Amino acid sequence: MHTTNTQLNTNNNDAGKLVLRVALAAMLLFHGVAKLSGGIGFVADMLAKAGLPAVFGYGVYIGEVVAPLLILIGLFTRPAALIVAINMIVAVLLAHTSQFFTLNETGGWALELQGMFFFAAVTVALLGAGRYSIGGVNGRLN
């Protein structure tokens, strides 16, 4: 059987989507697990200081645990990725606005981690999960 360039490109595209999904989800889950074990008190405090209900802090579990798990398995991938992107915007607005135009001690953008999470999530939302996912390439919202 001869593999065509189209088949190879499709396989590579799906493999690339898988790698991106796994990297984004795994890296973000570390932050979610830390909040599961350490609590969200500091998030609730930041929300209260911003004049928002502290109960909104529980949304971090959706953005840093539930959504990454959905991205990882490839189910409702696009909406989950949008939730992650929104989570990053909220995190920057609540905790990092003073760093937006600053560099860190090694010369990189002070918000490179948040920026990478945001842009990776937007990319996953645009590309979808691909074939290597529970939802499949033709899955609804995938």
Protein backbone atom coordinates (compact mmCIF):
# COMPACT_ATOMS: atom_id res chain seq x y z
CA MET A 1 0.00 0.00 0.00
CA HIS A 2 1.34 3.36 -1.02
CA THR A 3 0.93 6.33 1.35
CA THR A 4 0.10 9.55 -0.43
CA ASN A 5 1.30 12.98 0.64
CA THR A 6 -2.29 13.84 1.58
CA GLN A 7 -2.51 10.85 3.93
CA LEU A 8 0.88 11.69 5.44
CA ASN A 9 -0.11 15.34 5.94
CA THR A 10 -3.38 14.29 7.59
CA ASN A 11 -1.55 11.90 9.92
CA ASN A 12 1.03 14.57 10.78
CA ASN A 13 -1.67 17.19 11.36
CA ASP A 14 -3.56 14.88 13.71
CA ALA A 15 -0.37 13.92 15.53
CA GLY A 16 0.55 17.59 15.89
CA LYS A 17 -2.89 18.37 17.33
CA LEU A 18 -2.45 15.53 19.80
CA VAL A 19 0.98 16.77 20.92
CA LEU A 20 -0.35 20.32 21.36
CA ARG A 21 -3.40 19.11 23.31
CA VAL A 22 -1.34 16.87 25.60
CA ALA A 23 1.25 19.58 26.27
CA LEU A 24 -1.32 22.27 27.02
CA ALA A 25 -3.47 20.03 29.21
CA ALA A 26 -0.60 18.43 31.13
CA MET A 27 1.15 21.72 31.90
CA LEU A 28 -2.08 23.41 32.98
CA LEU A 29 -3.17 20.44 35.10
CA PHE A 30 -0.14 20.97 37.37
CA HIS A 31 -1.61 24.36 38.28
CA GLY A 32 -5.06 22.87 38.77
CA VAL A 33 -3.79 20.08 41.00
CA ALA A 34 -1.90 22.64 43.09
CA LYS A 35 -5.16 24.52 43.60
CA LEU A 36 -7.00 21.30 44.43
CA SER A 37 -4.46 20.50 47.14
CA GLY A 38 -3.73 24.04 48.34
CA GLY A 39 -7.12 25.65 47.92
CA ILE A 40 -8.21 28.77 46.10
CA GLY A 41 -8.05 31.24 48.98
CA PHE A 42 -5.63 33.53 47.18
CA VAL A 43 -7.83 33.53 44.07
CA ALA A 44 -10.91 34.35 46.14
CA ASP A 45 -8.97 37.18 47.82
CA MET A 46 -7.96 38.67 44.47
CA LEU A 47 -11.56 38.48 43.26
CA ALA A 48 -12.83 40.17 46.42
CA LYS A 49 -10.24 42.95 46.02
CA ALA A 50 -11.48 43.44 42.46
CA GLY A 51 -15.06 43.78 43.75
CA LEU A 52 -16.18 40.40 42.44
CA PRO A 53 -17.83 37.61 44.45
CA ALA A 54 -15.21 35.31 45.95
CA VAL A 55 -17.33 32.31 44.89
CA PHE A 56 -16.18 32.97 41.30
CA GLY A 57 -12.84 31.57 42.46
CA TYR A 58 -14.23 28.08 42.06
CA GLY A 59 -14.23 28.73 38.32
CA VAL A 60 -10.49 28.14 38.43
CA TYR A 61 -11.25 24.45 38.86
CA ILE A 62 -13.15 24.49 35.59
CA GLY A 63 -10.38 26.39 33.80
CA GLU A 64 -7.44 24.48 35.26
CA VAL A 65 -8.82 20.97 35.91
CA VAL A 66 -12.02 20.17 34.00
CA ALA A 67 -11.20 21.98 30.74
CA PRO A 68 -7.63 20.58 30.54
CA LEU A 69 -8.95 17.06 31.13
CA LEU A 70 -11.45 17.51 28.29
CA ILE A 71 -8.68 18.85 26.05
CA LEU A 72 -6.44 15.93 26.99
CA ILE A 73 -8.98 13.28 26.05
CA GLY A 74 -10.31 15.24 23.09
CA LEU A 75 -13.92 15.72 24.08
CA PHE A 76 -15.68 19.09 23.68
CA THR A 77 -12.18 20.27 22.85
CA ARG A 78 -13.00 23.61 21.26
CA PRO A 79 -15.20 24.95 24.09
CA ALA A 80 -12.76 23.59 26.68
CA ALA A 81 -9.89 25.40 24.96
CA LEU A 82 -11.92 28.63 24.93
CA ILE A 83 -12.49 28.23 28.67
CA VAL A 84 -8.74 27.91 29.17
CA ALA A 85 -8.13 31.03 27.08
CA ILE A 86 -10.69 32.99 29.13
CA ASN A 87 -9.14 31.63 32.33
CA MET A 88 -5.77 33.02 31.24
CA ILE A 89 -7.26 36.43 30.47
CA VAL A 90 -8.88 36.54 33.92
CA ALA A 91 -5.62 35.42 35.57
CA VAL A 92 -3.67 38.17 33.83
CA LEU A 93 -6.28 40.81 34.68
CA LEU A 94 -6.48 39.76 38.33
CA ALA A 95 -2.88 39.03 39.15
CA HIS A 96 -0.48 40.15 36.44
CA THR A 97 -1.52 43.45 34.86
CA SER A 98 1.56 45.20 36.23
CA GLN A 99 3.76 42.67 34.40
CA PHE A 100 2.13 43.01 30.99
CA PHE A 101 4.83 45.23 29.50
CA THR A 102 7.78 43.93 31.51
CA LEU A 103 10.58 41.45 31.02
CA ASN A 104 11.75 38.86 33.52
CA GLU A 105 15.29 38.56 34.86
CA THR A 106 16.43 36.44 31.91
CA GLY A 107 15.06 38.83 29.28
CA GLY A 108 11.86 36.98 28.43
CA TRP A 109 8.36 38.40 28.68
CA ALA A 110 7.23 38.34 32.30
CA LEU A 111 3.96 36.72 31.21
CA GLU A 112 5.39 34.17 28.82
CA LEU A 113 3.80 31.23 30.65
CA GLN A 114 0.35 32.81 30.67
CA GLY A 115 0.87 33.91 27.07
CA MET A 116 1.86 30.42 25.98
CA PHE A 117 -1.17 28.90 27.72
CA PHE A 118 -3.44 31.52 26.12
CA PHE A 119 -2.12 31.16 22.57
CA ALA A 120 -1.93 27.36 22.76
CA ALA A 121 -5.56 27.29 23.93
CA VAL A 122 -6.65 29.62 21.11
CA THR A 123 -4.80 27.40 18.65
CA VAL A 124 -6.51 24.25 19.97
CA ALA A 125 -9.87 26.04 19.78
CA LEU A 126 -9.22 26.90 16.14
CA LEU A 127 -7.79 23.52 15.08
CA GLY A 128 -9.95 21.15 17.11
CA ALA A 129 -8.85 17.84 18.57
CA GLY A 130 -8.10 15.86 15.44
CA ARG A 131 -8.45 12.16 14.85
CA TYR A 132 -6.59 11.02 17.97
CA SER A 133 -9.34 11.96 20.40
CA ILE A 134 -12.36 10.47 22.08
CA GLY A 135 -14.64 12.83 20.18
CA GLY A 136 -13.01 11.99 16.87
CA VAL A 137 -12.31 14.31 14.00
CA ASN A 138 -16.03 14.75 13.26
CA GLY A 139 -17.11 14.99 16.90
CA ARG A 140 -19.51 17.75 17.82
CA LEU A 141 -17.59 20.78 19.17
CA ASN A 142 -14.38 18.89 18.64
